[in-house]
């Protein structure tokens, strides 16, 4: 046990060591004993130990001095052993059976307990699912929306958005250095992950090189829930800056229905004409809904 020294008020009034020994000698003489004779022992002193100008006594228990190891269940902020066992079982299941063995709330739990190691994250995971309906819906929610969840905090929000960023980077990597048109399923997976859960319309352009490999995927405009301003001149200008020879237009319908509107058809014709004047090919225009994507070329609209 750690000890500390402190000054004791009234120290000058405390009996010194010689006084205590004299008192013990008298008591021993009156009882017929000898102070240091055969079979005798040194007196046992009670009370605080005199140590020069200070008295030494134990420090009170302090949370700062407690061992924070799992063997000490009383340590502050210590994760309960039951929670730690639950987490260990989920980690084992993930590593042995794969991610398909985990339900949505368990996936969220695991993400959150990496960011919030001192908390039981199960109630928080269920709260997020009640609000955003699924794992995908949760990580796709905006940082502003996530920050309204009580107890999530900046660390929790950052962890969820990092998972989304990692997922998008992974599916995008499947397109890099590959002909986009020959990897249609990967393209649709990427666009769905990027746009299917956006709350407002977003217009993007995929710029391709002479081998139809992806040079850049750029947002050209964000709008309202049903409209995004698009400027054909800006699209073609950016294509020239990137030395792109082909384009794929992409935008989402937050309503979930990818059916093109009259404005979508007119805008596509304008960009196609502006690009063709500079020998830039418009391969397709894809509209992303909640459940499916629509290709203008496959629908005979381009």
C-alpha atoms as a PDB file:
ATOM      1  CA  UNK A   1       0.000   0.000   0.000  1.00  0.00           C
ATOM      2  CA  UNK A   2       1.414   3.406  -0.996  1.00  0.00           C
ATOM      3  CA  UNK A   3       2.138   5.709   1.924  1.00  0.00           C
ATOM      4  CA  UNK A   4       2.498   9.426   2.200  1.00  0.00           C
ATOM      5  CA  UNK A   5       3.872  11.771   4.829  1.00  0.00           C
ATOM      6  CA  UNK A   6       1.937  14.635   6.305  1.00  0.00           C
ATOM      7  CA  UNK A   7       2.491  17.036   9.143  1.00  0.00           C
ATOM      8  CA  UNK A   8       0.459  16.201  12.252  1.00  0.00           C
ATOM      9  CA  UNK A   9      -1.035  19.191  14.149  1.00  0.00           C
ATOM     10  CA  UNK A  10       0.106  19.305  17.795  1.00  0.00           C
ATOM     11  CA  UNK A  11       3.239  17.285  17.088  1.00  0.00           C
ATOM     12  CA  UNK A  12       5.177  18.966  19.910  1.00  0.00           C
ATOM     13  CA  UNK A  13       2.605  17.648  22.386  1.00  0.00           C
ATOM     14  CA  UNK A  14       2.996  14.023  21.267  1.00  0.00           C
ATOM     15  CA  UNK A  15       5.057  11.772  23.631  1.00  0.00           C
ATOM     16  CA  UNK A  16       8.519  11.083  22.297  1.00  0.00           C
ATOM     17  CA  UNK A  17      10.179   7.664  22.142  1.00  0.00           C
ATOM     18  CA  UNK A  18      12.004   8.008  25.507  1.00  0.00           C
ATOM     19  CA  UNK A  19       8.753   8.853  27.275  1.00  0.00           C
ATOM     20  CA  UNK A  20       7.090   5.746  25.834  1.00  0.00           C
ATOM     21  CA  UNK A  21       9.995   3.522  26.902  1.00  0.00           C
ATOM     22  CA  UNK A  22       9.975   4.980  30.453  1.00  0.00           C
ATOM     23  CA  UNK A  23       6.236   4.403  30.721  1.00  0.00           C
ATOM     24  CA  UNK A  24       6.649   0.812  29.625  1.00  0.00           C
ATOM     25  CA  UNK A  25       9.554   0.271  32.105  1.00  0.00           C
ATOM     26  CA  UNK A  26       7.419   1.428  35.012  1.00  0.00           C
ATOM     27  CA  UNK A  27       4.539  -0.781  33.974  1.00  0.00           C
ATOM     28  CA  UNK A  28       6.869  -3.754  33.708  1.00  0.00           C
ATOM     29  CA  UNK A  29       8.440  -3.085  37.119  1.00  0.00           C
ATOM     30  CA  UNK A  30       5.066  -2.848  38.795  1.00  0.00           C
ATOM     31  CA  UNK A  31       4.144  -6.247  37.341  1.00  0.00           C
ATOM     32  CA  UNK A  32       7.410  -7.849  38.446  1.00  0.00           C
ATOM     33  CA  UNK A  33       8.818  -8.117  34.918  1.00  0.00           C
ATOM     34  CA  UNK A  34      12.036  -6.794  33.425  1.00  0.00           C
ATOM     35  CA  UNK A  35      12.183  -4.392  30.539  1.00  0.00           C
ATOM     36  CA  UNK A  36      14.865  -6.211  28.585  1.00  0.00           C
ATOM     37  CA  UNK A  37      15.453  -9.297  30.688  1.00  0.00           C
ATOM     38  CA  UNK A  38      15.353 -12.857  29.478  1.00  0.00           C
ATOM     39  CA  UNK A  39      12.177 -13.658  27.588  1.00  0.00           C
ATOM     40  CA  UNK A  40      11.254 -10.015  27.287  1.00  0.00           C
ATOM     41  CA  UNK A  41      10.658  -8.222  23.995  1.00  0.00           C
ATOM     42  CA  UNK A  42      10.698  -4.669  22.743  1.00  0.00           C
ATOM     43  CA  UNK A  43       7.533  -2.735  23.483  1.00  0.00           C
ATOM     44  CA  UNK A  44       4.905  -2.623  20.779  1.00  0.00           C
ATOM     45  CA  UNK A  45       4.068   0.980  19.968  1.00  0.00           C
ATOM     46  CA  UNK A  46       0.548   1.850  18.969  1.00  0.00           C
ATOM     47  CA  UNK A  47      -0.625   4.882  17.092  1.00  0.00           C
ATOM     48  CA  UNK A  48       1.222   6.782  14.401  1.00  0.00           C
ATOM     49  CA  UNK A  49       4.977   6.201  14.011  1.00  0.00           C
ATOM     50  CA  UNK A  50       7.161   9.148  14.866  1.00  0.00           C
ATOM     51  CA  UNK A  51       9.452   9.982  11.958  1.00  0.00           C
ATOM     52  CA  UNK A  52      11.319  13.180  12.595  1.00  0.00           C
ATOM     53  CA  UNK A  53       9.104  16.198  11.986  1.00  0.00           C
ATOM     54  CA  UNK A  54       6.322  14.210  10.275  1.00  0.00           C
ATOM     55  CA  UNK A  55       3.891  11.410  10.922  1.00  0.00           C
ATOM     56  CA  UNK A  56       3.476   8.642   8.326  1.00  0.00           C
ATOM     57  CA  UNK A  57       0.081   7.138   7.656  1.00  0.00           C
ATOM     58  CA  UNK A  58      -1.455   5.205   4.763  1.00  0.00           C
ATOM     59  CA  UNK A  59      -2.978   6.991   1.791  1.00  0.00           C
ATOM     60  CA  UNK A  60      -6.719   6.526   1.434  1.00  0.00           C
ATOM     61  CA  UNK A  61      -7.824   4.382  -1.476  1.00  0.00           C
ATOM     62  CA  UNK A  62      -7.737   6.464  -4.627  1.00  0.00           C
ATOM     63  CA  UNK A  63      -9.276   5.587  -8.014  1.00  0.00           C
ATOM     64  CA  UNK A  64      -6.129   6.911  -9.674  1.00  0.00           C
ATOM     65  CA  UNK A  65      -4.046   4.237  -7.945  1.00  0.00           C
ATOM     66  CA  UNK A  66      -6.317   1.275  -8.575  1.00  0.00           C
ATOM     67  CA  UNK A  67      -5.125  -1.411 -10.910  1.00  0.00           C
ATOM     68  CA  UNK A  68      -7.172  -1.208 -14.126  1.00  0.00           C
ATOM     69  CA  UNK A  69      -6.474  -4.805 -15.111  1.00  0.00           C
ATOM     70  CA  UNK A  70      -9.321  -7.282 -15.745  1.00  0.00           C
ATOM     71  CA  UNK A  71      -8.418  -9.010 -12.457  1.00  0.00           C
ATOM     72  CA  UNK A  72      -9.581  -5.944 -10.549  1.00  0.00           C
ATOM     73  CA  UNK A  73     -13.338  -5.588 -11.116  1.00  0.00           C
ATOM     74  CA  UNK A  74     -13.538  -2.463  -8.983  1.00  0.00           C
ATOM     75  CA  UNK A  75     -11.238  -0.416 -11.224  1.00  0.00           C
ATOM     76  CA  UNK A  76     -12.842   2.729 -12.664  1.00  0.00           C
ATOM     77  CA  UNK A  77     -14.300   2.512 -16.195  1.00  0.00           C
ATOM     78  CA  UNK A  78     -13.543  -1.203 -16.206  1.00  0.00           C
ATOM     79  CA  UNK A  79     -15.531  -3.147 -18.820  1.00  0.00           C
ATOM     80  CA  UNK A  80     -17.657  -5.760 -17.022  1.00  0.00           C
ATOM     81  CA  UNK A  81     -16.376  -9.284 -17.475  1.00  0.00           C
ATOM     82  CA  UNK A  82     -19.706 -10.371 -18.993  1.00  0.00           C
ATOM     83  CA  UNK A  83     -19.456  -7.723 -21.706  1.00  0.00           C
ATOM     84  CA  UNK A  84     -15.851  -8.623 -22.444  1.00  0.00           C
ATOM     85  CA  UNK A  85     -16.797 -12.288 -22.781  1.00  0.00           C
ATOM     86  CA  UNK A  86     -19.598 -11.349 -25.202  1.00  0.00           C
ATOM     87  CA  UNK A  87     -17.160  -9.340 -27.298  1.00  0.00           C
ATOM     88  CA  UNK A  88     -14.611 -12.150 -27.355  1.00  0.00           C
ATOM     89  CA  UNK A  89     -17.271 -14.586 -28.582  1.00  0.00           C
ATOM     90  CA  UNK A  90     -18.283 -12.223 -31.387  1.00  0.00           C
ATOM     91  CA  UNK A  91     -14.663 -11.765 -32.458  1.00  0.00           C
ATOM     92  CA  UNK A  92     -14.190 -15.527 -32.554  1.00  0.00           C
ATOM     93  CA  UNK A  93     -17.361 -15.986 -34.588  1.00  0.00           C
ATOM     94  CA  UNK A  94     -16.290 -13.302 -37.067  1.00  0.00           C
ATOM     95  CA  UNK A  95     -12.838 -14.824 -37.555  1.00  0.00           C
ATOM     96  CA  UNK A  96     -13.957 -18.445 -37.758  1.00  0.00           C
ATOM     97  CA  UNK A  97     -17.347 -18.257 -39.493  1.00  0.00           C
ATOM     98  CA  UNK A  98     -16.973 -14.990 -41.418  1.00  0.00           C
ATOM     99  CA  UNK A  99     -19.011 -11.751 -41.413  1.00  0.00           C
ATOM    100  CA  UNK A 100     -22.153 -13.535 -42.614  1.00  0.00           C
ATOM    101  CA  UNK A 101     -22.393 -15.101 -39.143  1.00  0.00           C
ATOM    102  CA  UNK A 102     -23.023 -11.688 -37.567  1.00  0.00           C
ATOM    103  CA  UNK A 103     -26.380  -9.913 -37.521  1.00  0.00           C
ATOM    104  CA  UNK A 104     -26.595  -6.191 -38.298  1.00  0.00           C
ATOM    105  CA  UNK A 105     -26.728  -5.197 -34.640  1.00  0.00           C
ATOM    106  CA  UNK A 106     -23.669  -7.337 -33.900  1.00  0.00           C
ATOM    107  CA  UNK A 107     -21.725  -5.704 -36.730  1.00  0.00           C
ATOM    108  CA  UNK A 108     -22.588  -2.303 -35.287  1.00  0.00           C
ATOM    109  CA  UNK A 109     -21.640  -3.457 -31.799  1.00  0.00           C
ATOM    110  CA  UNK A 110     -18.213  -4.539 -32.988  1.00  0.00           C
ATOM    111  CA  UNK A 111     -17.558  -1.301 -34.843  1.00  0.00           C
ATOM    112  CA  UNK A 112     -18.649   0.759 -31.853  1.00  0.00           C
ATOM    113  CA  UNK A 113     -16.757  -1.108 -29.166  1.00  0.00           C
ATOM    114  CA  UNK A 114     -13.545  -0.405 -31.064  1.00  0.00           C
ATOM    115  CA  UNK A 115     -14.361   3.297 -30.743  1.00  0.00           C
ATOM    116  CA  UNK A 116     -16.052   3.124 -27.320  1.00  0.00           C
ATOM    117  CA  UNK A 117     -14.140   0.411 -25.431  1.00  0.00           C
ATOM    118  CA  UNK A 118     -15.493   1.358 -21.992  1.00  0.00           C
ATOM    119  CA  UNK A 119     -19.166   1.075 -22.925  1.00  0.00           C
ATOM    120  CA  UNK A 120     -21.666  -1.684 -23.470  1.00  0.00           C
ATOM    121  CA  UNK A 121     -22.464  -0.902 -27.114  1.00  0.00           C
ATOM    122  CA  UNK A 122     -25.352  -3.334 -27.601  1.00  0.00           C
ATOM    123  CA  UNK A 123     -28.094  -0.843 -26.579  1.00  0.00           C
ATOM    124  CA  UNK A 124     -26.491   1.809 -28.773  1.00  0.00           C
ATOM    125  CA  UNK A 125     -26.390  -0.551 -31.764  1.00  0.00           C
ATOM    126  CA  UNK A 126     -30.084  -1.351 -31.369  1.00  0.00           C
ATOM    127  CA  UNK A 127     -30.890   2.357 -31.063  1.00  0.00           C
ATOM    128  CA  UNK A 128     -29.101   3.014 -34.360  1.00  0.00           C
ATOM    129  CA  UNK A 129     -30.979   0.208 -36.109  1.00  0.00           C
ATOM    130  CA  UNK A 130     -34.290   1.547 -34.822  1.00  0.00           C
ATOM    131  CA  UNK A 131     -33.439   4.915 -36.357  1.00  0.00           C
ATOM    132  CA  UNK A 132     -31.712   3.926 -39.624  1.00  0.00           C
ATOM    133  CA  UNK A 133     -33.231   0.450 -40.260  1.00  0.00           C
ATOM    134  CA  UNK A 134     -30.074  -1.467 -41.243  1.00  0.00           C
ATOM    135  CA  UNK A 135     -26.295  -1.633 -40.982  1.00  0.00           C
ATOM    136  CA  UNK A 136     -25.940  -0.104 -44.439  1.00  0.00           C
ATOM    137  CA  UNK A 137     -28.446   2.619 -43.611  1.00  0.00           C
ATOM    138  CA  UNK A 138     -26.558   3.452 -40.424  1.00  0.00           C
ATOM    139  CA  UNK A 139     -23.104   3.863 -41.945  1.00  0.00           C
ATOM    140  CA  UNK A 140     -24.603   5.799 -44.879  1.00  0.00           C
ATOM    141  CA  UNK A 141     -26.327   8.284 -42.560  1.00  0.00           C
ATOM    142  CA  UNK A 142     -24.758  11.725 -42.477  1.00  0.00           C
ATOM    143  CA  UNK A 143     -22.480  12.744 -39.640  1.00  0.00           C
ATOM    144  CA  UNK A 144     -25.084  15.320 -38.626  1.00  0.00           C
ATOM    145  CA  UNK A 145     -27.801  12.670 -38.389  1.00  0.00           C
ATOM    146  CA  UNK A 146     -25.564  10.301 -36.431  1.00  0.00           C
ATOM    147  CA  UNK A 147     -24.559  13.020 -33.979  1.00  0.00           C
ATOM    148  CA  UNK A 148     -28.170  13.275 -32.812  1.00  0.00           C
ATOM    149  CA  UNK A 149     -27.978   9.762 -31.308  1.00  0.00           C
ATOM    150  CA  UNK A 150     -27.499  10.106 -27.564  1.00  0.00           C
ATOM    151  CA  UNK A 151     -24.269   8.524 -26.348  1.00  0.00           C
ATOM    152  CA  UNK A 152     -22.673   7.992 -29.769  1.00  0.00           C
ATOM    153  CA  UNK A 153     -20.303  10.945 -29.576  1.00  0.00           C
ATOM    154  CA  UNK A 154     -17.658  12.081 -32.029  1.00  0.00           C
ATOM    155  CA  UNK A 155     -15.648   8.860 -31.735  1.00  0.00           C
ATOM    156  CA  UNK A 156     -18.664   6.692 -32.566  1.00  0.00           C
ATOM    157  CA  UNK A 157     -19.675   8.879 -35.519  1.00  0.00           C
ATOM    158  CA  UNK A 158     -16.139   8.824 -36.888  1.00  0.00           C
ATOM    159  CA  UNK A 159     -15.958   5.023 -36.578  1.00  0.00           C
ATOM    160  CA  UNK A 160     -19.177   4.543 -38.559  1.00  0.00           C
ATOM    161  CA  UNK A 161     -18.166   6.982 -41.294  1.00  0.00           C
ATOM    162  CA  UNK A 162     -14.763   5.308 -41.536  1.00  0.00           C
ATOM    163  CA  UNK A 163     -16.470   1.976 -42.217  1.00  0.00           C
ATOM    164  CA  UNK A 164     -18.478   3.589 -45.024  1.00  0.00           C
ATOM    165  CA  UNK A 165     -15.355   5.181 -46.502  1.00  0.00           C
ATOM    166  CA  UNK A 166     -13.535   1.838 -46.382  1.00  0.00           C
ATOM    167  CA  UNK A 167     -16.430   0.077 -48.119  1.00  0.00           C
ATOM    168  CA  UNK A 168     -16.544   2.679 -50.908  1.00  0.00           C
ATOM    169  CA  UNK A 169     -12.790   2.573 -51.366  1.00  0.00           C
ATOM    170  CA  UNK A 170     -12.879  -1.214 -51.602  1.00  0.00           C
ATOM    171  CA  UNK A 171     -15.546  -1.372 -54.308  1.00  0.00           C
ATOM    172  CA  UNK A 172     -13.916   1.506 -56.197  1.00  0.00           C
ATOM    173  CA  UNK A 173     -10.606  -0.377 -56.185  1.00  0.00           C
ATOM    174  CA  UNK A 174     -12.350  -3.128 -58.171  1.00  0.00           C
ATOM    175  CA  UNK A 175     -12.734  -0.653 -61.053  1.00  0.00           C
ATOM    176  CA  UNK A 176      -9.287   0.911 -61.107  1.00  0.00           C
ATOM    177  CA  UNK A 177      -7.139  -0.075 -64.093  1.00  0.00           C
ATOM    178  CA  UNK A 178      -9.930  -2.186 -65.554  1.00  0.00           C
ATOM    179  CA  UNK A 179     -12.216  -1.423 -68.511  1.00  0.00           C
ATOM    180  CA  UNK A 180     -15.390  -0.151 -66.861  1.00  0.00           C
ATOM    181  CA  UNK A 181     -17.762  -1.429 -69.532  1.00  0.00           C
ATOM    182  CA  UNK A 182     -16.335  -4.945 -69.197  1.00  0.00           C
ATOM    183  CA  UNK A 183     -16.910  -4.904 -65.433  1.00  0.00           C
ATOM    184  CA  UNK A 184     -20.521  -3.801 -65.367  1.00  0.00           C
ATOM    185  CA  UNK A 185     -21.526  -5.609 -62.186  1.00  0.00           C
ATOM    186  CA  UNK A 186     -18.640  -4.036 -60.272  1.00  0.00           C
ATOM    187  CA  UNK A 187     -19.605  -0.616 -61.622  1.00  0.00           C
ATOM    188  CA  UNK A 188     -23.213  -1.001 -60.492  1.00  0.00           C
ATOM    189  CA  UNK A 189     -22.067  -2.228 -57.058  1.00  0.00           C
ATOM    190  CA  UNK A 190     -19.870   0.839 -56.695  1.00  0.00           C
ATOM    191  CA  UNK A 191     -22.578   3.288 -57.795  1.00  0.00           C
ATOM    192  CA  UNK A 192     -25.159   1.643 -55.551  1.00  0.00           C
ATOM    193  CA  UNK A 193     -22.881   1.841 -52.531  1.00  0.00           C
ATOM    194  CA  UNK A 194     -22.093   5.467 -53.317  1.00  0.00           C
ATOM    195  CA  UNK A 195     -25.524   6.857 -54.171  1.00  0.00           C
ATOM    196  CA  UNK A 196     -28.405   4.552 -53.262  1.00  0.00           C
ATOM    197  CA  UNK A 197     -28.907   6.060 -49.795  1.00  0.00           C
ATOM    198  CA  UNK A 198     -28.209   9.695 -50.558  1.00  0.00           C
ATOM    199  CA  UNK A 199     -30.943  11.999 -49.245  1.00  0.00           C
ATOM    200  CA  UNK A 200     -30.651  14.541 -52.086  1.00  0.00           C
ATOM    201  CA  UNK A 201     -29.948  14.264 -55.786  1.00  0.00           C
ATOM    202  CA  UNK A 202     -26.294  14.091 -56.743  1.00  0.00           C
ATOM    203  CA  UNK A 203     -24.952  14.266 -60.275  1.00  0.00           C
ATOM    204  CA  UNK A 204     -21.633  12.549 -60.981  1.00  0.00           C
ATOM    205  CA  UNK A 205     -19.525  11.968 -64.070  1.00  0.00           C
ATOM    206  CA  UNK A 206     -17.190   9.027 -64.646  1.00  0.00           C
ATOM    207  CA  UNK A 207     -14.347  10.160 -66.908  1.00  0.00           C
ATOM    208  CA  UNK A 208     -12.743   7.357 -68.967  1.00  0.00           C
ATOM    209  CA  UNK A 209      -9.567   7.036 -71.014  1.00  0.00           C
ATOM    210  CA  UNK A 210      -9.158   5.521 -74.480  1.00  0.00           C
ATOM    211  CA  UNK A 211      -9.345   2.004 -73.001  1.00  0.00           C
ATOM    212  CA  UNK A 212     -12.464   2.889 -70.985  1.00  0.00           C
ATOM    213  CA  UNK A 213     -10.558   2.767 -67.697  1.00  0.00           C
ATOM    214  CA  UNK A 214     -11.659   5.072 -64.927  1.00  0.00           C
ATOM    215  CA  UNK A 215      -9.690   8.321 -64.783  1.00  0.00           C
ATOM    216  CA  UNK A 216     -11.902  10.085 -62.247  1.00  0.00           C
ATOM    217  CA  UNK A 217     -15.288   9.925 -60.577  1.00  0.00           C
ATOM    218  CA  UNK A 218     -16.358  13.439 -59.696  1.00  0.00           C
ATOM    219  CA  UNK A 219     -19.443  15.099 -58.250  1.00  0.00           C
ATOM    220  CA  UNK A 220     -20.579  17.818 -60.646  1.00  0.00           C
ATOM    221  CA  UNK A 221     -23.577  18.981 -58.650  1.00  0.00           C
ATOM    222  CA  UNK A 222     -25.805  18.442 -55.623  1.00  0.00           C
ATOM    223  CA  UNK A 223     -29.387  19.574 -55.484  1.00  0.00           C
ATOM    224  CA  UNK A 224     -32.680  18.961 -53.757  1.00  0.00           C
ATOM    225  CA  UNK A 225     -34.650  15.782 -53.287  1.00  0.00           C
ATOM    226  CA  UNK A 226     -35.746  15.833 -56.943  1.00  0.00           C
ATOM    227  CA  UNK A 227     -33.503  18.218 -58.898  1.00  0.00           C
ATOM    228  CA  UNK A 228     -29.819  18.839 -59.541  1.00  0.00           C
ATOM    229  CA  UNK A 229     -28.523  21.676 -61.729  1.00  0.00           C
ATOM    230  CA  UNK A 230     -26.207  20.363 -64.463  1.00  0.00           C
ATOM    231  CA  UNK A 231     -24.169  22.461 -66.899  1.00  0.00           C
ATOM    232  CA  UNK A 232     -23.071  20.596 -70.065  1.00  0.00           C
ATOM    233  CA  UNK A 233     -20.277  23.089 -70.737  1.00  0.00           C
ATOM    234  CA  UNK A 234     -18.686  22.359 -67.325  1.00  0.00           C
ATOM    235  CA  UNK A 235     -18.879  18.615 -67.896  1.00  0.00           C
ATOM    236  CA  UNK A 236     -17.122  18.841 -71.268  1.00  0.00           C
ATOM    237  CA  UNK A 237     -14.556  21.337 -69.963  1.00  0.00           C
ATOM    238  CA  UNK A 238     -13.578  18.965 -67.157  1.00  0.00           C
ATOM    239  CA  UNK A 239     -13.306  16.058 -69.622  1.00  0.00           C
ATOM    240  CA  UNK A 240     -10.787  18.049 -71.659  1.00  0.00           C
ATOM    241  CA  UNK A 241      -8.768  18.883 -68.522  1.00  0.00           C
ATOM    242  CA  UNK A 242      -8.496  15.154 -67.698  1.00  0.00           C
ATOM    243  CA  UNK A 243      -7.834  14.110 -71.314  1.00  0.00           C
ATOM    244  CA  UNK A 244     -10.906  11.893 -71.090  1.00  0.00           C
ATOM    245  CA  UNK A 245     -12.250  10.381 -74.298  1.00  0.00           C
ATOM    246  CA  UNK A 246     -15.491   8.952 -72.883  1.00  0.00           C
ATOM    247  CA  UNK A 247     -18.071   9.674 -70.202  1.00  0.00           C
ATOM    248  CA  UNK A 248     -20.685   7.899 -68.111  1.00  0.00           C
ATOM    249  CA  UNK A 249     -23.230  10.156 -66.460  1.00  0.00           C
ATOM    250  CA  UNK A 250     -24.676   9.076 -63.107  1.00  0.00           C
ATOM    251  CA  UNK A 251     -27.267  10.506 -60.777  1.00  0.00           C
ATOM    252  CA  UNK A 252     -29.578   9.201 -58.065  1.00  0.00           C
ATOM    253  CA  UNK A 253     -33.283   9.473 -57.335  1.00  0.00           C
ATOM    254  CA  UNK A 254     -33.794   9.732 -53.549  1.00  0.00           C
ATOM    255  CA  UNK A 255     -37.410   8.670 -54.076  1.00  0.00           C
ATOM    256  CA  UNK A 256     -36.049   5.209 -54.914  1.00  0.00           C
ATOM    257  CA  UNK A 257     -37.640   5.034 -58.376  1.00  0.00           C
ATOM    258  CA  UNK A 258     -34.974   5.222 -61.119  1.00  0.00           C
ATOM    259  CA  UNK A 259     -37.435   6.053 -63.898  1.00  0.00           C
ATOM    260  CA  UNK A 260     -36.001   9.026 -65.854  1.00  0.00           C
ATOM    261  CA  UNK A 261     -37.884  12.285 -65.961  1.00  0.00           C
ATOM    262  CA  UNK A 262     -38.327  14.512 -69.001  1.00  0.00           C
ATOM    263  CA  UNK A 263     -35.607  16.785 -67.564  1.00  0.00           C
ATOM    264  CA  UNK A 264     -33.246  13.791 -67.266  1.00  0.00           C
ATOM    265  CA  UNK A 265     -33.791  12.938 -70.945  1.00  0.00           C
ATOM    266  CA  UNK A 266     -33.269  16.523 -72.092  1.00  0.00           C
ATOM    267  CA  UNK A 267     -30.108  16.999 -70.033  1.00  0.00           C
ATOM    268  CA  UNK A 268     -28.628  13.758 -71.401  1.00  0.00           C
ATOM    269  CA  UNK A 269     -29.201  14.902 -74.997  1.00  0.00           C
ATOM    270  CA  UNK A 270     -27.515  18.253 -74.294  1.00  0.00           C
ATOM    271  CA  UNK A 271     -24.400  16.704 -72.780  1.00  0.00           C
ATOM    272  CA  UNK A 272     -24.200  14.109 -75.540  1.00  0.00           C
ATOM    273  CA  UNK A 273     -24.267  16.814 -78.206  1.00  0.00           C
ATOM    274  CA  UNK A 274     -21.676  18.997 -76.436  1.00  0.00           C
ATOM    275  CA  UNK A 275     -19.340  16.014 -75.938  1.00  0.00           C
ATOM    276  CA  UNK A 276     -19.709  14.722 -79.501  1.00  0.00           C
ATOM    277  CA  UNK A 277     -18.598  18.126 -80.853  1.00  0.00           C
ATOM    278  CA  UNK A 278     -15.215  17.466 -79.185  1.00  0.00           C
ATOM    279  CA  UNK A 279     -15.009  13.752 -80.097  1.00  0.00           C
ATOM    280  CA  UNK A 280     -15.888  12.646 -76.577  1.00  0.00           C
ATOM    281  CA  UNK A 281     -18.197   9.633 -76.401  1.00  0.00           C
ATOM    282  CA  UNK A 282     -21.101   9.431 -73.966  1.00  0.00           C
ATOM    283  CA  UNK A 283     -21.344   5.720 -73.148  1.00  0.00           C
ATOM    284  CA  UNK A 284     -24.307   5.787 -70.777  1.00  0.00           C
ATOM    285  CA  UNK A 285     -26.397   7.615 -68.239  1.00  0.00           C
ATOM    286  CA  UNK A 286     -27.207   5.571 -65.125  1.00  0.00           C
ATOM    287  CA  UNK A 287     -29.903   6.472 -62.603  1.00  0.00           C
ATOM    288  CA  UNK A 288     -29.494   4.890 -59.162  1.00  0.00           C
ATOM    289  CA  UNK A 289     -32.572   4.050 -57.091  1.00  0.00           C
ATOM    290  CA  UNK A 290     -32.921   2.307 -53.753  1.00  0.00           C
ATOM    291  CA  UNK A 291     -33.408  -1.184 -55.145  1.00  0.00           C
ATOM    292  CA  UNK A 292     -32.138  -1.030 -58.728  1.00  0.00           C
ATOM    293  CA  UNK A 293     -30.298   1.022 -61.311  1.00  0.00           C
ATOM    294  CA  UNK A 294     -31.504   2.079 -64.771  1.00  0.00           C
ATOM    295  CA  UNK A 295     -29.185   2.301 -67.790  1.00  0.00           C
ATOM    296  CA  UNK A 296     -30.213   4.654 -70.602  1.00  0.00           C
ATOM    297  CA  UNK A 297     -28.295   2.574 -73.131  1.00  0.00           C
ATOM    298  CA  UNK A 298     -29.861  -0.721 -72.053  1.00  0.00           C
ATOM    299  CA  UNK A 299     -33.304   0.878 -72.056  1.00  0.00           C
ATOM    300  CA  UNK A 300     -32.744   2.224 -75.597  1.00  0.00           C
ATOM    301  CA  UNK A 301     -32.840   5.851 -74.421  1.00  0.00           C
ATOM    302  CA  UNK A 302     -29.354   6.775 -75.637  1.00  0.00           C
END
